[in-house]
Amino acid sequence: MFIALSKTHAKKHHQMFVQKYIYDQLISSLRERCLTL
């Protein structure tokens, strides 16, 4: 029971991490685009 719970928690944490990474990538690319303009 506890193992399954921790597995789902880890999955949720991983999704949050991936979303934050994608968000950071978007922000940095937008910044570069604004600088080149």
PDB file of N, CA and C in Angstrom:
ATOM      1  N   MET A   1       0.833  -1.206   0.000  1.00  0.00           N
ATOM      2  CA  MET A   1       0.000   0.000   0.000  1.00  0.00           C
ATOM      3  C   MET A   1       0.864   1.250   0.000  1.00  0.00           C
ATOM      4  N   PHE A   2       1.817   1.306   0.921  1.00  0.00           N
ATOM      5  CA  PHE A   2       2.682   2.475   1.037  1.00  0.00           C
ATOM      6  C   PHE A   2       3.553   2.645  -0.203  1.00  0.00           C
ATOM      7  N   ILE A   3       4.011   1.511  -0.759  1.00  0.00           N
ATOM      8  CA  ILE A   3       4.873   1.557  -1.945  1.00  0.00           C
ATOM      9  C   ILE A   3       4.112   2.155  -3.131  1.00  0.00           C
ATOM     10  N   ALA A   4       2.860   1.720  -3.300  1.00  0.00           N
ATOM     11  CA  ALA A   4       2.042   2.227  -4.402  1.00  0.00           C
ATOM     12  C   ALA A   4       1.814   3.729  -4.225  1.00  0.00           C
ATOM     13  N   LEU A   5       1.580   4.149  -2.988  1.00  0.00           N
ATOM     14  CA  LEU A   5       1.343   5.556  -2.699  1.00  0.00           C
ATOM     15  C   LEU A   5       2.571   6.388  -3.039  1.00  0.00           C
ATOM     16  N   SER A   6       3.738   5.907  -2.642  1.00  0.00           N
ATOM     17  CA  SER A   6       4.972   6.641  -2.925  1.00  0.00           C
ATOM     18  C   SER A   6       5.261   6.673  -4.428  1.00  0.00           C
ATOM     19  N   LYS A   7       4.867   5.616  -5.134  1.00  0.00           N
ATOM     20  CA  LYS A   7       5.076   5.572  -6.590  1.00  0.00           C
ATOM     21  C   LYS A   7       4.266   6.668  -7.279  1.00  0.00           C
ATOM     22  N   THR A   8       2.986   6.794  -6.905  1.00  0.00           N
ATOM     23  CA  THR A   8       2.141   7.819  -7.516  1.00  0.00           C
ATOM     24  C   THR A   8       2.648   9.200  -7.143  1.00  0.00           C
ATOM     25  N   HIS A   9       3.138   9.355  -5.931  1.00  0.00           N
ATOM     26  CA  HIS A   9       3.679  10.639  -5.489  1.00  0.00           C
ATOM     27  C   HIS A   9       4.914  11.001  -6.311  1.00  0.00           C
ATOM     28  N   ALA A  10       5.766  10.018  -6.563  1.00  0.00           N
ATOM     29  CA  ALA A  10       6.973  10.256  -7.359  1.00  0.00           C
ATOM     30  C   ALA A  10       6.598  10.628  -8.787  1.00  0.00           C
ATOM     31  N   LYS A  11       5.565   9.998  -9.321  1.00  0.00           N
ATOM     32  CA  LYS A  11       5.121  10.294 -10.677  1.00  0.00           C
ATOM     33  C   LYS A  11       4.629  11.735 -10.763  1.00  0.00           C
ATOM     34  N   LYS A  12       3.845  12.153  -9.768  1.00  0.00           N
ATOM     35  CA  LYS A  12       3.324  13.512  -9.743  1.00  0.00           C
ATOM     36  C   LYS A  12       4.470  14.513  -9.644  1.00  0.00           C
ATOM     37  N   HIS A  13       5.438  14.196  -8.799  1.00  0.00           N
ATOM     38  CA  HIS A  13       6.603  15.068  -8.625  1.00  0.00           C
ATOM     39  C   HIS A  13       7.382  15.183  -9.927  1.00  0.00           C
ATOM     40  N   HIS A  14       7.502  14.077 -10.638  1.00  0.00           N
ATOM     41  CA  HIS A  14       8.225  14.069 -11.918  1.00  0.00           C
ATOM     42  C   HIS A  14       7.504  14.936 -12.943  1.00  0.00           C
ATOM     43  N   GLN A  15       6.177  14.840 -12.986  1.00  0.00           N
ATOM     44  CA  GLN A  15       5.398  15.664 -13.920  1.00  0.00           C
ATOM     45  C   GLN A  15       5.604  17.144 -13.630  1.00  0.00           C
ATOM     46  N   MET A  16       5.596  17.507 -12.345  1.00  0.00           N
ATOM     47  CA  MET A  16       5.822  18.906 -11.966  1.00  0.00           C
ATOM     48  C   MET A  16       7.205  19.354 -12.404  1.00  0.00           C
ATOM     49  N   PHE A  17       8.200  18.487 -12.228  1.00  0.00           N
ATOM     50  CA  PHE A  17       9.572  18.816 -12.605  1.00  0.00           C
ATOM     51  C   PHE A  17       9.684  19.032 -14.112  1.00  0.00           C
ATOM     52  N   VAL A  18       9.052  18.155 -14.879  1.00  0.00           N
ATOM     53  CA  VAL A  18       9.083  18.277 -16.341  1.00  0.00           C
ATOM     54  C   VAL A  18       8.391  19.559 -16.796  1.00  0.00           C
ATOM     55  N   GLN A  19       7.237  19.852 -16.191  1.00  0.00           N
ATOM     56  CA  GLN A  19       6.514  21.075 -16.545  1.00  0.00           C
ATOM     57  C   GLN A  19       7.353  22.304 -16.250  1.00  0.00           C
ATOM     58  N   LYS A  20       8.035  22.313 -15.099  1.00  0.00           N
ATOM     59  CA  LYS A  20       8.883  23.451 -14.732  1.00  0.00           C
ATOM     60  C   LYS A  20      10.044  23.578 -15.717  1.00  0.00           C
ATOM     61  N   TYR A  21      10.612  22.447 -16.133  1.00  0.00           N
ATOM     62  CA  TYR A  21      11.728  22.465 -17.081  1.00  0.00           C
ATOM     63  C   TYR A  21      11.276  23.048 -18.426  1.00  0.00           C
ATOM     64  N   ILE A  22      10.125  22.587 -18.914  1.00  0.00           N
ATOM     65  CA  ILE A  22       9.598  23.096 -20.188  1.00  0.00           C
ATOM     66  C   ILE A  22       9.317  24.585 -20.074  1.00  0.00           C
ATOM     67  N   TYR A  23       8.748  25.002 -18.939  1.00  0.00           N
ATOM     68  CA  TYR A  23       8.438  26.411 -18.716  1.00  0.00           C
ATOM     69  C   TYR A  23       9.711  27.247 -18.743  1.00  0.00           C
ATOM     70  N   ASP A  24      10.754  26.764 -18.066  1.00  0.00           N
ATOM     71  CA  ASP A  24      12.037  27.477 -18.044  1.00  0.00           C
ATOM     72  C   ASP A  24      12.622  27.588 -19.448  1.00  0.00           C
ATOM     73  N   GLN A  25      12.512  26.515 -20.220  1.00  0.00           N
ATOM     74  CA  GLN A  25      13.028  26.525 -21.590  1.00  0.00           C
ATOM     75  C   GLN A  25      12.284  27.561 -22.436  1.00  0.00           C
ATOM     76  N   LEU A  26      10.967  27.622 -22.280  1.00  0.00           N
ATOM     77  CA  LEU A  26      10.165  28.588 -23.029  1.00  0.00           C
ATOM     78  C   LEU A  26      10.558  30.016 -22.670  1.00  0.00           C
ATOM     79  N   ILE A  27      10.714  30.284 -21.383  1.00  0.00           N
ATOM     80  CA  ILE A  27      11.080  31.625 -20.929  1.00  0.00           C
ATOM     81  C   ILE A  27      12.438  32.030 -21.484  1.00  0.00           C
ATOM     82  N   SER A  28      13.407  31.135 -21.415  1.00  0.00           N
ATOM     83  CA  SER A  28      14.756  31.458 -21.895  1.00  0.00           C
ATOM     84  C   SER A  28      14.762  31.696 -23.403  1.00  0.00           C
ATOM     85  N   SER A  29      14.002  30.885 -24.146  1.00  0.00           N
ATOM     86  CA  SER A  29      13.951  31.067 -25.603  1.00  0.00           C
ATOM     87  C   SER A  29      13.255  32.381 -25.952  1.00  0.00           C
ATOM     88  N   LEU A  30      12.218  32.727 -25.207  1.00  0.00           N
ATOM     89  CA  LEU A  30      11.528  34.001 -25.436  1.00  0.00           C
ATOM     90  C   LEU A  30      12.458  35.171 -25.149  1.00  0.00           C
ATOM     91  N   ARG A  31      13.246  35.044 -24.076  1.00  0.00           N
ATOM     92  CA  ARG A  31      14.196  36.096 -23.714  1.00  0.00           C
ATOM     93  C   ARG A  31      15.215  36.294 -24.838  1.00  0.00           C
ATOM     94  N   GLU A  32      15.739  35.201 -25.359  1.00  0.00           N
ATOM     95  CA  GLU A  32      16.726  35.280 -26.448  1.00  0.00           C
ATOM     96  C   GLU A  32      16.103  35.936 -27.674  1.00  0.00           C
ATOM     97  N   ARG A  33      14.860  35.584 -27.963  1.00  0.00           N
ATOM     98  CA  ARG A  33      14.164  36.150 -29.121  1.00  0.00           C
ATOM     99  C   ARG A  33      13.991  37.663 -28.953  1.00  0.00           C
ATOM    100  N   CYS A  34      13.623  38.078 -27.761  1.00  0.00           N
ATOM    101  CA  CYS A  34      13.452  39.519 -27.503  1.00  0.00           C
ATOM    102  C   CYS A  34      14.785  40.249 -27.615  1.00  0.00           C
ATOM    103  N   LEU A  35      15.855  39.619 -27.162  1.00  0.00           N
ATOM    104  CA  LEU A  35      17.173  40.251 -27.222  1.00  0.00           C
ATOM    105  C   LEU A  35      17.647  40.399 -28.660  1.00  0.00           C
ATOM    106  N   THR A  36      17.355  39.398 -29.495  1.00  0.00           N
ATOM    107  CA  THR A  36      17.807  39.461 -30.882  1.00  0.00           C
ATOM    108  C   THR A  36      16.995  40.491 -31.672  1.00  0.00           C
ATOM    109  N   LEU A  37      15.746  40.721 -31.255  1.00  0.00           N
ATOM    110  CA  LEU A  37      14.923  41.742 -31.914  1.00  0.00           C
ATOM    111  C   LEU A  37      15.449  43.108 -31.490  1.00  0.00           C
TER     112      LEU A  37
END
